[in-house]
C-alpha atoms as a PDB file:
ATOM      1  CA  UNK A   1      -3.228  23.789  13.939  1.00  0.00           C
ATOM      2  CA  UNK A   2      -1.627  24.650  10.600  1.00  0.00           C
ATOM      3  CA  UNK A   3      -2.616  27.453   8.311  1.00  0.00           C
ATOM      4  CA  UNK A   4      -3.733  26.648   4.753  1.00  0.00           C
ATOM      5  CA  UNK A   5      -0.362  27.407   3.134  1.00  0.00           C
ATOM      6  CA  UNK A   6       1.624  25.297   5.621  1.00  0.00           C
ATOM      7  CA  UNK A   7      -0.899  22.471   5.247  1.00  0.00           C
ATOM      8  CA  UNK A   8      -0.640  22.670   1.433  1.00  0.00           C
ATOM      9  CA  UNK A   9       3.189  22.632   1.554  1.00  0.00           C
ATOM     10  CA  UNK A  10       3.206  19.638   3.893  1.00  0.00           C
ATOM     11  CA  UNK A  11       0.697  17.821   1.674  1.00  0.00           C
ATOM     12  CA  UNK A  12       2.896  18.451  -1.390  1.00  0.00           C
ATOM     13  CA  UNK A  13       6.013  17.273   0.472  1.00  0.00           C
ATOM     14  CA  UNK A  14       4.167  14.156   1.632  1.00  0.00           C
ATOM     15  CA  UNK A  15       2.961  13.421  -1.890  1.00  0.00           C
ATOM     16  CA  UNK A  16       6.490  13.834  -3.290  1.00  0.00           C
ATOM     17  CA  UNK A  17       7.966  11.668  -0.531  1.00  0.00           C
ATOM     18  CA  UNK A  18       5.579   8.766  -1.092  1.00  0.00           C
ATOM     19  CA  UNK A  19       5.881   9.063  -4.875  1.00  0.00           C
ATOM     20  CA  UNK A  20       9.698   8.905  -4.603  1.00  0.00           C
ATOM     21  CA  UNK A  21       9.676   5.711  -2.554  1.00  0.00           C
ATOM     22  CA  UNK A  22       9.778   2.533  -4.608  1.00  0.00           C
ATOM     23  CA  UNK A  23       8.934   0.254  -1.680  1.00  0.00           C
ATOM     24  CA  UNK A  24       6.370   2.305   0.221  1.00  0.00           C
ATOM     25  CA  UNK A  25       6.760   4.113   3.531  1.00  0.00           C
ATOM     26  CA  UNK A  26       5.500   3.387   7.025  1.00  0.00           C
ATOM     27  CA  UNK A  27       3.775   6.006   9.156  1.00  0.00           C
ATOM     28  CA  UNK A  28       6.908   6.213  11.295  1.00  0.00           C
ATOM     29  CA  UNK A  29       9.178   6.720   8.243  1.00  0.00           C
ATOM     30  CA  UNK A  30       6.945   9.524   6.961  1.00  0.00           C
ATOM     31  CA  UNK A  31       6.799  11.133  10.404  1.00  0.00           C
ATOM     32  CA  UNK A  32      10.591  11.058  10.702  1.00  0.00           C
ATOM     33  CA  UNK A  33      11.312  12.242   7.143  1.00  0.00           C
ATOM     34  CA  UNK A  34       8.906  15.190   7.316  1.00  0.00           C
ATOM     35  CA  UNK A  35       9.530  15.917  11.020  1.00  0.00           C
ATOM     36  CA  UNK A  36       5.830  15.705  11.866  1.00  0.00           C
ATOM     37  CA  UNK A  37       4.998  15.672  15.576  1.00  0.00           C
ATOM     38  CA  UNK A  38       1.321  14.696  15.354  1.00  0.00           C
ATOM     39  CA  UNK A  39       1.073  11.494  13.272  1.00  0.00           C
ATOM     40  CA  UNK A  40      -2.723  11.730  13.073  1.00  0.00           C
ATOM     41  CA  UNK A  41      -2.331  14.438  10.442  1.00  0.00           C
ATOM     42  CA  UNK A  42      -0.662  12.029   7.981  1.00  0.00           C
ATOM     43  CA  UNK A  43      -3.753   9.918   7.134  1.00  0.00           C
ATOM     44  CA  UNK A  44      -5.777  13.135   6.816  1.00  0.00           C
ATOM     45  CA  UNK A  45      -3.261  14.593   4.347  1.00  0.00           C
ATOM     46  CA  UNK A  46      -3.201  11.345   2.380  1.00  0.00           C
ATOM     47  CA  UNK A  47      -6.983  11.437   2.197  1.00  0.00           C
ATOM     48  CA  UNK A  48      -6.740  15.003   0.834  1.00  0.00           C
ATOM     49  CA  UNK A  49      -4.168  13.889  -1.760  1.00  0.00           C
ATOM     50  CA  UNK A  50      -6.415  11.039  -2.891  1.00  0.00           C
ATOM     51  CA  UNK A  51      -9.438  13.372  -3.035  1.00  0.00           C
ATOM     52  CA  UNK A  52      -7.500  15.860  -5.185  1.00  0.00           C
ATOM     53  CA  UNK A  53      -6.255  13.061  -7.453  1.00  0.00           C
ATOM     54  CA  UNK A  54      -9.831  11.846  -7.848  1.00  0.00           C
ATOM     55  CA  UNK A  55     -11.061  15.361  -8.712  1.00  0.00           C
ATOM     56  CA  UNK A  56      -8.244  15.763 -11.240  1.00  0.00           C
ATOM     57  CA  UNK A  57      -8.906  12.352 -12.839  1.00  0.00           C
ATOM     58  CA  UNK A  58      -5.430  11.164 -11.898  1.00  0.00           C
ATOM     59  CA  UNK A  59      -4.502   7.558 -12.681  1.00  0.00           C
ATOM     60  CA  UNK A  60      -2.694   7.350  -9.322  1.00  0.00           C
ATOM     61  CA  UNK A  61      -3.794   6.981  -5.726  1.00  0.00           C
ATOM     62  CA  UNK A  62      -2.065   6.351  -2.405  1.00  0.00           C
ATOM     63  CA  UNK A  63      -2.860   3.011  -0.810  1.00  0.00           C
ATOM     64  CA  UNK A  64      -2.195   1.698   2.684  1.00  0.00           C
ATOM     65  CA  UNK A  65      -1.742  -2.031   3.269  1.00  0.00           C
ATOM     66  CA  UNK A  66      -1.698  -1.825   7.048  1.00  0.00           C
ATOM     67  CA  UNK A  67       2.056  -1.264   7.098  1.00  0.00           C
ATOM     68  CA  UNK A  68       3.063   1.098   4.311  1.00  0.00           C
ATOM     69  CA  UNK A  69       1.732   3.894   2.150  1.00  0.00           C
ATOM     70  CA  UNK A  70       2.580   3.868  -1.528  1.00  0.00           C
ATOM     71  CA  UNK A  71       1.399   5.188  -4.857  1.00  0.00           C
ATOM     72  CA  UNK A  72      -0.448   2.750  -7.073  1.00  0.00           C
ATOM     73  CA  UNK A  73      -2.011   2.784 -10.484  1.00  0.00           C
ATOM     74  CA  UNK A  74      -5.810   2.684 -10.439  1.00  0.00           C
ATOM     75  CA  UNK A  75      -7.144  -0.806 -11.104  1.00  0.00           C
ATOM     76  CA  UNK A  76      -8.789   0.028 -14.439  1.00  0.00           C
ATOM     77  CA  UNK A  77      -5.394   0.994 -15.915  1.00  0.00           C
ATOM     78  CA  UNK A  78      -3.498  -2.138 -14.845  1.00  0.00           C
ATOM     79  CA  UNK A  79      -4.756  -4.220 -17.783  1.00  0.00           C
ATOM     80  CA  UNK A  80      -4.511  -1.428 -20.357  1.00  0.00           C
ATOM     81  CA  UNK A  81      -2.617  -2.830 -23.386  1.00  0.00           C
ATOM     82  CA  UNK A  82      -0.035  -0.031 -23.264  1.00  0.00           C
ATOM     83  CA  UNK A  83       0.542  -0.318 -19.504  1.00  0.00           C
ATOM     84  CA  UNK A  84       0.326  -4.100 -19.003  1.00  0.00           C
ATOM     85  CA  UNK A  85       3.776  -5.042 -20.416  1.00  0.00           C
ATOM     86  CA  UNK A  86       5.404  -2.659 -17.959  1.00  0.00           C
ATOM     87  CA  UNK A  87       3.487  -3.868 -14.916  1.00  0.00           C
ATOM     88  CA  UNK A  88       3.744  -7.595 -15.616  1.00  0.00           C
ATOM     89  CA  UNK A  89       5.744  -9.253 -12.894  1.00  0.00           C
ATOM     90  CA  UNK A  90       5.708  -6.287 -10.564  1.00  0.00           C
ATOM     91  CA  UNK A  91       4.087  -8.551  -7.984  1.00  0.00           C
ATOM     92  CA  UNK A  92       7.353 -10.501  -7.709  1.00  0.00           C
ATOM     93  CA  UNK A  93       9.778  -9.521  -4.966  1.00  0.00           C
ATOM     94  CA  UNK A  94      13.428  -8.648  -5.550  1.00  0.00           C
ATOM     95  CA  UNK A  95      14.765 -12.161  -4.823  1.00  0.00           C
ATOM     96  CA  UNK A  96      12.199 -13.707  -7.172  1.00  0.00           C
ATOM     97  CA  UNK A  97      13.002 -11.249  -9.968  1.00  0.00           C
ATOM     98  CA  UNK A  98      16.753 -11.762  -9.538  1.00  0.00           C
ATOM     99  CA  UNK A  99      16.336 -15.552  -9.529  1.00  0.00           C
ATOM    100  CA  UNK A 100      14.029 -15.499 -12.551  1.00  0.00           C
ATOM    101  CA  UNK A 101      16.370 -13.205 -14.495  1.00  0.00           C
ATOM    102  CA  UNK A 102      19.361 -15.444 -13.692  1.00  0.00           C
ATOM    103  CA  UNK A 103      17.506 -18.566 -14.832  1.00  0.00           C
ATOM    104  CA  UNK A 104      16.159 -16.843 -17.962  1.00  0.00           C
ATOM    105  CA  UNK A 105      19.599 -15.571 -18.948  1.00  0.00           C
ATOM    106  CA  UNK A 106      21.581 -18.730 -18.167  1.00  0.00           C
ATOM    107  CA  UNK A 107      19.053 -21.429 -19.068  1.00  0.00           C
ATOM    108  CA  UNK A 108      19.375 -24.331 -18.939  1.00  0.00           C
ATOM    109  CA  UNK A 109      21.035 -23.835 -15.550  1.00  0.00           C
ATOM    110  CA  UNK A 110      21.787 -26.179 -12.659  1.00  0.00           C
ATOM    111  CA  UNK A 111      20.171 -25.662  -9.267  1.00  0.00           C
ATOM    112  CA  UNK A 112      23.512 -25.254  -7.492  1.00  0.00           C
ATOM    113  CA  UNK A 113      24.614 -22.535  -9.940  1.00  0.00           C
ATOM    114  CA  UNK A 114      21.463 -20.575  -9.080  1.00  0.00           C
ATOM    115  CA  UNK A 115      22.123 -20.917  -5.344  1.00  0.00           C
ATOM    116  CA  UNK A 116      25.797 -19.972  -5.792  1.00  0.00           C
ATOM    117  CA  UNK A 117      25.034 -16.835  -7.806  1.00  0.00           C
ATOM    118  CA  UNK A 118      21.777 -15.548  -6.348  1.00  0.00           C
ATOM    119  CA  UNK A 119      22.229 -16.792  -2.783  1.00  0.00           C
ATOM    120  CA  UNK A 120      20.159 -18.711  -0.271  1.00  0.00           C
ATOM    121  CA  UNK A 121      17.131 -16.448  -0.852  1.00  0.00           C
ATOM    122  CA  UNK A 122      16.738 -18.094  -4.226  1.00  0.00           C
ATOM    123  CA  UNK A 123      15.543 -21.375  -2.642  1.00  0.00           C
ATOM    124  CA  UNK A 124      12.224 -19.817  -1.610  1.00  0.00           C
ATOM    125  CA  UNK A 125      12.109 -17.815  -4.852  1.00  0.00           C
ATOM    126  CA  UNK A 126      12.498 -21.011  -6.897  1.00  0.00           C
ATOM    127  CA  UNK A 127       9.516 -22.551  -5.092  1.00  0.00           C
ATOM    128  CA  UNK A 128       7.382 -19.482  -5.852  1.00  0.00           C
ATOM    129  CA  UNK A 129       8.505 -19.383  -9.499  1.00  0.00           C
ATOM    130  CA  UNK A 130       7.744 -23.104  -9.901  1.00  0.00           C
ATOM    131  CA  UNK A 131       4.320 -22.611  -8.333  1.00  0.00           C
ATOM    132  CA  UNK A 132       3.620 -19.661 -10.652  1.00  0.00           C
ATOM    133  CA  UNK A 133       4.786 -21.820 -13.596  1.00  0.00           C
ATOM    134  CA  UNK A 134       7.429 -19.312 -14.723  1.00  0.00           C
ATOM    135  CA  UNK A 135      10.117 -21.999 -14.537  1.00  0.00           C
ATOM    136  CA  UNK A 136      10.358 -25.777 -14.764  1.00  0.00           C
ATOM    137  CA  UNK A 137      13.128 -28.295 -14.328  1.00  0.00           C
ATOM    138  CA  UNK A 138      14.378 -31.607 -15.607  1.00  0.00           C
ATOM    139  CA  UNK A 139      16.501 -34.002 -13.606  1.00  0.00           C
ATOM    140  CA  UNK A 140      19.750 -35.283 -15.069  1.00  0.00           C
ATOM    141  CA  UNK A 141      21.640 -38.212 -13.555  1.00  0.00           C
ATOM    142  CA  UNK A 142      25.408 -38.308 -13.429  1.00  0.00           C
ATOM    143  CA  UNK A 143      27.976 -40.755 -12.203  1.00  0.00           C
ATOM    144  CA  UNK A 144      30.871 -39.158 -10.386  1.00  0.00           C
ATOM    145  CA  UNK A 145      33.735 -40.308  -8.223  1.00  0.00           C
ATOM    146  CA  UNK A 146      33.467 -39.457  -4.548  1.00  0.00           C
ATOM    147  CA  UNK A 147      36.455 -38.488  -2.373  1.00  0.00           C
ATOM    148  CA  UNK A 148      37.315 -42.191  -1.893  1.00  0.00           C
ATOM    149  CA  UNK A 149      37.324 -42.868  -5.631  1.00  0.00           C
ATOM    150  CA  UNK A 150      34.048 -44.806  -5.590  1.00  0.00           C
ATOM    151  CA  UNK A 151      31.419 -44.242  -8.241  1.00  0.00           C
ATOM    152  CA  UNK A 152      28.411 -42.365  -6.991  1.00  0.00           C
ATOM    153  CA  UNK A 153      25.185 -41.472  -8.804  1.00  0.00           C
ATOM    154  CA  UNK A 154      23.817 -37.983  -8.339  1.00  0.00           C
ATOM    155  CA  UNK A 155      20.729 -36.203  -9.599  1.00  0.00           C
ATOM    156  CA  UNK A 156      20.975 -32.617 -10.765  1.00  0.00           C
ATOM    157  CA  UNK A 157      18.011 -30.313 -11.360  1.00  0.00           C
ATOM    158  CA  UNK A 158      18.309 -28.274 -14.558  1.00  0.00           C
ATOM    159  CA  UNK A 159      16.044 -25.189 -14.688  1.00  0.00           C
ATOM    160  CA  UNK A 160      14.610 -23.257 -17.618  1.00  0.00           C
ATOM    161  CA  UNK A 161      11.808 -20.781 -18.226  1.00  0.00           C
ATOM    162  CA  UNK A 162       8.419 -21.940 -19.484  1.00  0.00           C
ATOM    163  CA  UNK A 163       6.069 -20.934 -22.251  1.00  0.00           C
ATOM    164  CA  UNK A 164       3.878 -19.400 -19.520  1.00  0.00           C
ATOM    165  CA  UNK A 165       6.835 -17.164 -18.552  1.00  0.00           C
ATOM    166  CA  UNK A 166       7.090 -15.903 -22.144  1.00  0.00           C
ATOM    167  CA  UNK A 167       3.340 -15.324 -22.433  1.00  0.00           C
ATOM    168  CA  UNK A 168       3.094 -13.583 -19.063  1.00  0.00           C
ATOM    169  CA  UNK A 169       5.902 -11.148 -19.868  1.00  0.00           C
ATOM    170  CA  UNK A 170       4.855 -10.762 -23.535  1.00  0.00           C
ATOM    171  CA  UNK A 171       8.209 -11.907 -24.900  1.00  0.00           C
ATOM    172  CA  UNK A 172       9.474 -14.626 -27.196  1.00  0.00           C
ATOM    173  CA  UNK A 173      10.559 -17.872 -25.543  1.00  0.00           C
ATOM    174  CA  UNK A 174      13.722 -17.840 -27.658  1.00  0.00           C
ATOM    175  CA  UNK A 175      16.723 -18.024 -25.293  1.00  0.00           C
ATOM    176  CA  UNK A 176      18.957 -15.717 -27.345  1.00  0.00           C
ATOM    177  CA  UNK A 177      16.195 -13.083 -27.556  1.00  0.00           C
ATOM    178  CA  UNK A 178      15.621 -13.324 -23.789  1.00  0.00           C
ATOM    179  CA  UNK A 179      19.366 -12.862 -23.225  1.00  0.00           C
ATOM    180  CA  UNK A 180      19.415  -9.818 -25.529  1.00  0.00           C
ATOM    181  CA  UNK A 181      16.428  -8.343 -23.676  1.00  0.00           C
ATOM    182  CA  UNK A 182      18.080  -8.831 -20.270  1.00  0.00           C
ATOM    183  CA  UNK A 183      21.372  -7.362 -21.526  1.00  0.00           C
ATOM    184  CA  UNK A 184      19.462  -4.332 -22.830  1.00  0.00           C
ATOM    185  CA  UNK A 185      17.790  -3.810 -19.459  1.00  0.00           C
ATOM    186  CA  UNK A 186      21.140  -4.132 -17.656  1.00  0.00           C
ATOM    187  CA  UNK A 187      22.782  -1.613 -19.999  1.00  0.00           C
ATOM    188  CA  UNK A 188      20.025   0.936 -19.309  1.00  0.00           C
ATOM    189  CA  UNK A 189      19.914   0.281 -15.554  1.00  0.00           C
END
C-alpha cells in the first residue's frame, strides 16, 4: 500500500506519461515505464485523474479503448469553431495522412507515383480516402510501345483532392494555396 504522497507522485507521473504519448499507451507500456509491480493500481489512478479533471472543469480526460490509454478532448469541445480546424482529420492514420498530403501537394498525380513515393501502405489508404470522398480520380488512356516494340494501350489513374476535402479541412480548393499550406506545415515541423 502506498502513502498519500507516493500515490500523488505516481498519479502525476502517470498523467504526464499518458499526456506525452501521441499514440496512447497500453497497460503493459505504462507498467514498464513507471516500474509498477501491481498493474491493478493503474486503472484506479486513471480514475482518480479523470475525477480530478472533472472537478477542475478540465477539457481533457483519459480514455481506454480496450488496448490503450490516451488523453482526449471532451466531446462538447470537438465541434467548437476554434478547435474544429485543428482536430479535422485527426481520425486518419499516418499512412492516410501521408498519402492525402502527397496527393494534395502533387495533384493531379498518377497512381504509380503515389505508390512509388508513399509506399505499399498507400494502396489501402487510397481506398479509405476514396471512400471518405477526400480524393477522386480520372482515367487517362495512353498508347505506349512495349518491350517488343508493339503498341499497347494502358489506363492510368490520375488522382486529385475533392471539394469535400477542402470543406472538411476548412481550406480553399486552390492547388497553389494547398501547396503553400503544406509547405508551411513542413517548414514548422
